[in-house]
Protein backbone atom coordinates (compact mmCIF):
# COMPACT_ATOMS: atom_id res chain seq x y z
CA UNK A 1 13.63 -103.68 -45.18
CA UNK A 2 10.56 -102.45 -45.34
CA UNK A 3 8.62 -99.06 -44.25
CA UNK A 4 7.92 -100.47 -41.01
CA UNK A 5 11.12 -102.16 -40.85
CA UNK A 6 13.02 -99.12 -41.58
CA UNK A 7 10.90 -96.64 -38.94
CA UNK A 8 11.07 -99.05 -36.25
CA UNK A 9 14.44 -99.10 -36.79
CA UNK A 10 14.50 -94.97 -37.10
CA UNK A 11 12.36 -95.18 -33.73
CA UNK A 12 14.76 -97.28 -31.85
CA UNK A 13 17.92 -95.42 -32.77
CA UNK A 14 16.70 -92.26 -31.69
CA UNK A 15 15.33 -93.08 -28.28
CA UNK A 16 17.89 -92.66 -25.40
CA UNK A 17 19.86 -95.57 -24.29
CA UNK A 18 19.50 -97.47 -21.02
CA UNK A 19 23.02 -96.65 -19.80
CA UNK A 20 22.29 -92.45 -20.23
CA UNK A 21 18.90 -93.14 -18.32
CA UNK A 22 21.15 -94.89 -15.44
CA UNK A 23 23.32 -92.04 -15.53
CA UNK A 24 20.71 -89.54 -15.03
CA UNK A 25 19.12 -91.26 -12.39
CA UNK A 26 21.98 -91.65 -10.67
CA UNK A 27 22.81 -87.95 -10.79
CA UNK A 28 19.20 -87.14 -10.11
CA UNK A 29 19.28 -89.48 -7.14
CA UNK A 30 22.27 -87.32 -5.66
CA UNK A 31 20.51 -83.93 -6.38
CA UNK A 32 17.83 -85.23 -4.52
CA UNK A 33 19.99 -86.38 -1.51
CA UNK A 34 21.52 -82.86 -1.37
CA UNK A 35 18.27 -80.98 -1.56
CA UNK A 36 16.24 -83.35 0.86
CA UNK A 37 18.92 -83.54 3.18
CA UNK A 38 19.39 -79.57 3.79
CA UNK A 39 15.72 -78.62 2.57
CA UNK A 40 13.04 -81.75 4.63
CA UNK A 41 16.53 -83.28 6.81
CA UNK A 42 16.36 -86.75 5.19
CA UNK A 43 18.98 -88.22 2.85
CA UNK A 44 16.00 -89.86 0.18
CA UNK A 45 17.46 -89.95 -3.12
CA UNK A 46 13.78 -90.51 -4.62
CA UNK A 47 11.70 -88.27 -2.78
CA UNK A 48 10.74 -84.51 -3.59
CA UNK A 49 12.30 -84.57 -6.55
CA UNK A 50 10.51 -85.09 -10.18
CA UNK A 51 11.18 -84.92 -13.98
CA UNK A 52 9.33 -82.40 -16.04
CA UNK A 53 9.97 -81.05 -19.63
CA UNK A 54 10.30 -83.43 -22.61
CA UNK A 55 12.14 -85.93 -20.49
CA UNK A 56 9.35 -86.36 -17.77
CA UNK A 57 7.01 -86.51 -21.09
CA UNK A 58 9.00 -89.00 -22.45
CA UNK A 59 8.74 -87.33 -25.66
CA UNK A 60 13.41 -86.21 -25.47
CA UNK A 61 15.77 -87.82 -28.26
CA UNK A 62 18.73 -85.99 -27.01
CA UNK A 63 20.15 -85.58 -23.81
CA UNK A 64 20.68 -82.27 -23.57
CA UNK A 65 19.00 -79.85 -20.81
CA UNK A 66 17.30 -82.46 -17.88
CA UNK A 67 14.72 -80.68 -16.24
CA UNK A 68 13.36 -81.07 -12.42
CA UNK A 69 10.91 -79.56 -10.11
CA UNK A 70 11.68 -79.94 -6.45
CA UNK A 71 8.90 -79.70 -4.33
CA UNK A 72 9.91 -77.52 -1.26
CA UNK A 73 8.61 -77.88 2.82
CA UNK A 74 5.19 -76.23 2.73
CA UNK A 75 6.63 -74.07 5.60
CA UNK A 76 9.56 -72.50 3.60
CA UNK A 77 6.57 -70.74 1.74
CA UNK A 78 5.95 -68.27 4.21
CA UNK A 79 9.79 -68.01 4.60
CA UNK A 80 10.76 -66.69 1.09
CA UNK A 81 7.46 -64.65 0.49
CA UNK A 82 7.69 -62.97 3.74
CA UNK A 83 10.44 -61.04 2.70
CA UNK A 84 10.59 -57.43 1.59
CA UNK A 85 12.58 -57.33 -1.43
CA UNK A 86 12.35 -60.44 -3.74
CA UNK A 87 12.80 -63.66 -1.81
CA UNK A 88 12.30 -66.11 -4.77
CA UNK A 89 15.88 -64.82 -5.88
CA UNK A 90 16.99 -65.26 -1.93
CA UNK A 91 14.98 -69.00 -2.58
CA UNK A 92 17.07 -69.99 -5.89
CA UNK A 93 20.78 -69.03 -3.82
CA UNK A 94 19.69 -71.25 -1.35
CA UNK A 95 19.22 -73.92 -3.43
CA UNK A 96 22.44 -72.97 -5.55
CA UNK A 97 24.21 -73.03 -2.46
CA UNK A 98 22.70 -76.50 -1.49
CA UNK A 99 23.86 -77.88 -4.42
CA UNK A 100 27.33 -76.53 -4.46
CA UNK A 101 28.63 -78.41 -1.58
CA UNK A 102 27.80 -81.87 -3.27
CA UNK A 103 29.32 -80.51 -6.53
CA UNK A 104 31.76 -77.60 -5.89
CA UNK A 105 33.73 -77.83 -9.19
CA UNK A 106 30.64 -77.92 -11.83
CA UNK A 107 29.23 -75.53 -13.45
CA UNK A 108 26.30 -73.78 -11.91
CA UNK A 109 24.06 -70.89 -11.52
CA UNK A 110 20.69 -69.34 -10.97
CA UNK A 111 18.64 -68.45 -14.25
CA UNK A 112 15.61 -66.58 -13.48
CA UNK A 113 13.16 -69.45 -12.06
CA UNK A 114 15.72 -72.49 -12.55
CA UNK A 115 19.05 -73.51 -10.92
CA UNK A 116 21.51 -74.87 -13.68
CA UNK A 117 23.69 -77.61 -12.93
CA UNK A 118 26.39 -78.61 -16.23
CA UNK A 119 28.11 -81.34 -16.15
CA UNK A 120 31.25 -81.45 -17.95
CA UNK A 121 30.11 -84.03 -20.33
CA UNK A 122 27.45 -81.54 -21.70
CA UNK A 123 24.66 -82.95 -19.85
CA UNK A 124 22.66 -80.26 -17.75
CA UNK A 125 19.79 -80.21 -15.26
CA UNK A 126 17.76 -77.42 -14.67
CA UNK A 127 16.00 -77.83 -11.34
CA UNK A 128 13.08 -75.65 -10.52
CA UNK A 129 12.35 -74.99 -7.19
CA UNK A 130 8.23 -75.03 -6.07
CA UNK A 131 5.63 -75.28 -3.39
CA UNK A 132 2.98 -77.66 -3.87
CA UNK A 133 -0.52 -76.69 -3.80
CA UNK A 134 -3.82 -78.35 -2.99
CA UNK A 135 -5.00 -78.66 -6.19
CA UNK A 136 -1.64 -80.69 -7.54
CA UNK A 137 -0.39 -77.35 -8.78
CA UNK A 138 2.64 -75.82 -8.06
CA UNK A 139 3.83 -72.22 -7.20
CA UNK A 140 7.74 -71.68 -8.43
CA UNK A 141 9.52 -67.94 -8.03
CA UNK A 142 10.54 -65.94 -10.62
CA UNK A 143 13.07 -63.38 -9.93
CA UNK A 144 12.43 -60.99 -12.28
CA UNK A 145 10.61 -57.62 -11.70
CA UNK A 146 11.90 -57.15 -7.85
CA UNK A 147 10.40 -61.43 -8.06
CA UNK A 148 7.20 -62.97 -7.76
CA UNK A 149 5.09 -66.47 -8.08
CA UNK A 150 3.90 -68.07 -10.91
CA UNK A 151 1.80 -71.43 -11.40
CA UNK A 152 2.62 -74.63 -13.16
CA UNK A 153 0.96 -78.20 -13.17
CA UNK A 154 3.42 -80.43 -14.97
CA UNK A 155 1.74 -83.74 -14.05
CA UNK A 156 -1.48 -83.15 -15.59
CA UNK A 157 0.96 -82.50 -19.09
CA UNK A 158 2.43 -85.36 -18.65
CA UNK A 159 -0.37 -87.80 -17.87
CA UNK A 160 -2.25 -85.95 -20.44
CA UNK A 161 0.38 -87.18 -23.10
CA UNK A 162 0.61 -90.22 -21.97
CA UNK A 163 -3.05 -91.08 -21.80
CA UNK A 164 -3.00 -89.90 -25.67
CA UNK A 165 0.16 -91.93 -25.99
CA UNK A 166 -1.56 -94.65 -25.40
CA UNK A 167 -5.11 -94.01 -26.77
CA UNK A 168 -2.99 -93.97 -30.39
CA UNK A 169 -1.05 -96.98 -29.63
CA UNK A 170 2.35 -95.44 -28.79
CA UNK A 171 2.42 -93.29 -31.86
CA UNK A 172 2.19 -90.17 -29.93
CA UNK A 173 5.42 -89.93 -28.52
CA UNK A 174 7.53 -91.78 -31.34
CA UNK A 175 5.99 -88.54 -33.28
CA UNK A 176 7.62 -86.04 -31.30
CA UNK A 177 10.23 -87.62 -31.35
CA UNK A 178 10.72 -88.31 -35.25
CA UNK A 179 10.38 -84.55 -34.98
CA UNK A 180 12.69 -83.44 -32.87
CA UNK A 181 14.98 -85.29 -35.12
CA UNK A 182 13.46 -83.85 -38.11
CA UNK A 183 14.63 -80.33 -36.14
CA UNK A 184 17.90 -80.93 -35.34
CA UNK A 185 18.65 -82.46 -38.75
CA UNK A 186 17.70 -79.30 -40.85
CA UNK A 187 18.09 -76.74 -37.90
CA UNK A 188 14.41 -75.97 -37.24
CA UNK A 189 13.84 -73.35 -35.23
CA UNK A 190 10.66 -74.48 -32.97
CA UNK A 191 10.75 -75.44 -29.09
CA UNK A 192 10.23 -79.08 -27.68
CA UNK A 193 7.08 -78.17 -25.99
CA UNK A 194 5.87 -76.87 -29.53
CA UNK A 195 6.49 -80.00 -31.34
CA UNK A 196 4.84 -82.09 -28.33
CA UNK A 197 1.80 -79.86 -28.81
CA UNK A 198 1.13 -80.07 -32.69
CA UNK A 199 1.68 -83.66 -32.46
CA UNK A 200 -0.40 -84.05 -29.96
CA UNK A 201 -2.96 -82.07 -32.13
CA UNK A 202 -2.22 -84.05 -35.12
CA UNK A 203 -3.01 -87.27 -34.32
CA UNK A 204 -5.98 -86.46 -31.83
CA UNK A 205 -7.68 -85.35 -35.40
CA UNK A 206 -6.04 -88.01 -37.88
CA UNK A 207 -8.54 -91.07 -38.56
CA UNK A 208 -5.48 -93.59 -39.05
CA UNK A 209 -3.39 -92.19 -35.59
CA UNK A 210 -3.47 -96.20 -34.20
CA UNK A 211 -1.47 -96.87 -37.26
CA UNK A 212 1.27 -99.48 -36.78
CA UNK A 213 5.10 -98.61 -38.54
CA UNK A 214 3.58 -99.58 -42.17
CA UNK A 215 2.09 -96.26 -42.01
CA UNK A 216 4.54 -94.06 -40.65
CA UNK A 217 5.91 -92.39 -44.42
CA UNK A 218 2.43 -91.59 -44.64
CA UNK A 219 1.82 -90.32 -41.33
CA UNK A 220 4.91 -88.19 -41.50
CA UNK A 221 4.01 -86.54 -44.48
CA UNK A 222 0.61 -85.68 -42.99
CA UNK A 223 2.45 -84.37 -39.72
CA UNK A 224 4.00 -81.97 -42.00
CA UNK A 225 1.16 -80.85 -43.89
CA UNK A 226 -0.60 -79.91 -40.52
CA UNK A 227 3.00 -77.89 -39.30
CA UNK A 228 2.77 -75.88 -43.05
CA UNK A 229 -0.97 -74.78 -42.34
CA UNK A 230 -0.06 -73.74 -38.89
CA UNK A 231 -0.91 -69.69 -38.82
CA UNK A 232 2.11 -68.15 -39.45
CA UNK A 233 1.33 -65.42 -36.75
CA UNK A 234 0.71 -67.95 -34.18
CA UNK A 235 2.05 -66.77 -30.68
CA UNK A 236 -0.25 -68.58 -28.18
CA UNK A 237 0.42 -72.60 -27.42
CA UNK A 238 -1.70 -74.15 -25.38
CA UNK A 239 -0.33 -77.38 -23.57
CA UNK A 240 -2.79 -80.29 -23.27
CA UNK A 241 -3.87 -81.47 -19.46
CA UNK A 242 -2.98 -78.52 -18.01
CA UNK A 243 -4.24 -75.79 -20.96
CA UNK A 244 -2.05 -73.02 -19.26
CA UNK A 245 -0.30 -71.33 -22.45
CA UNK A 246 3.75 -70.63 -23.70
CA UNK A 247 4.47 -68.24 -25.89
CA UNK A 248 6.78 -68.69 -28.74
CA UNK A 249 6.65 -67.81 -32.53
CA UNK A 250 6.14 -69.70 -35.19
CA UNK A 251 9.46 -69.74 -36.84
CA UNK A 252 9.15 -73.50 -38.30
CA UNK A 253 6.40 -73.28 -40.98
CA UNK A 254 9.07 -72.56 -43.74
CA UNK A 255 11.09 -75.42 -42.74
CA UNK A 256 8.07 -77.69 -42.76
CA UNK A 257 6.54 -76.95 -46.41
CA UNK A 258 10.45 -78.72 -47.57
CA UNK A 259 9.98 -81.17 -45.22
CA UNK A 260 6.29 -82.05 -46.79
CA UNK A 261 8.11 -81.39 -50.57
CA UNK A 262 10.47 -84.13 -49.64
CA UNK A 263 7.90 -86.13 -48.04
CA UNK A 264 5.87 -86.21 -51.01
CA UNK A 265 8.49 -86.75 -53.27
CA UNK A 266 9.45 -90.17 -51.30
CA UNK A 267 5.97 -91.32 -51.33
CA UNK A 268 5.93 -90.90 -55.02
CA UNK A 269 9.37 -92.81 -54.98
CA UNK A 270 8.51 -95.79 -53.15
CA UNK A 271 4.91 -96.24 -55.04
CA UNK A 272 7.20 -96.92 -58.56
CA UNK A 273 9.43 -99.04 -56.17
CA UNK A 274 12.49 -96.65 -56.05
CA UNK A 275 13.29 -96.99 -52.67
CA UNK A 276 17.18 -96.33 -52.64
CA UNK A 277 15.77 -92.56 -53.79
CA UNK A 278 13.24 -92.82 -51.12
CA UNK A 279 15.27 -93.37 -48.31
CA UNK A 280 17.86 -90.88 -49.29
CA UNK A 281 14.90 -87.93 -49.15
CA UNK A 282 14.04 -89.65 -45.72
CA UNK A 283 17.28 -89.36 -44.48
CA UNK A 284 17.28 -85.44 -45.92
CA UNK A 285 14.28 -85.12 -43.49
CA UNK A 286 15.31 -87.39 -40.24
CA UNK A 287 19.76 -87.68 -40.72
CA UNK A 288 22.08 -90.25 -40.44
CA UNK A 289 19.91 -92.05 -37.80
CA UNK A 290 17.33 -93.46 -40.37
CA UNK A 291 18.34 -96.42 -41.99
CA UNK A 292 20.18 -96.21 -45.12
CA UNK A 293 18.63 -99.02 -46.87
């Protein structure tokens, strides 16, 4: 197989298949139907519930946590915010109780800001109830420290990732998925949102960001070089689109340097025509879903 064929096959292997997406869509529809019935008085399976997070950005490879945002009726804001103590906790409890009537035997919990619904096959949905504001942002409940409202803007983040993905000839989302395969193969302590931010930053500045699969071995090398240069004391990560920031430690630099070394060796083997050794090293980086030959 050529470089292009190998990386094209790899990207296909780490994409979520149609059957799984259909199952996710079906479960999302049932969640929406239940919540819409209790909060909006409708039986809609698609209104007021949107994909957010990695699945919403379409940068995910493994189906574990599916993030959903449920848009609440504006009239309910005063109902919960006007309560004496932690109306945010009451809101999460009401959402949880609503879903329990549809999933009485499914493990469920309220978790600070979201209601978590865990299915027996390992698929988990995290539902964030929120109120939409006139500027397109959302207010969501935080039950910690007596309760408060916080702001998020997931659609702006999804839109910016989508825009940059098209601008880079669809390389951005592929790179995000490749980096997740590296993370999972090597037990790298890095959050999905950090991966998406770093991939975005890298491709925004890489002169070959519109390359085809034929340059993906070089894209891998230079991406890991970008990660290895990330300041070890970096804690604040600004999300493209919304410019909100999240706080996470940089715990991935040493693993990125290891991947950079392996990528360098793989490129050298390719130049020598030793494609078996090149593939062996790429599978060390990306795991068994990278083609053997």
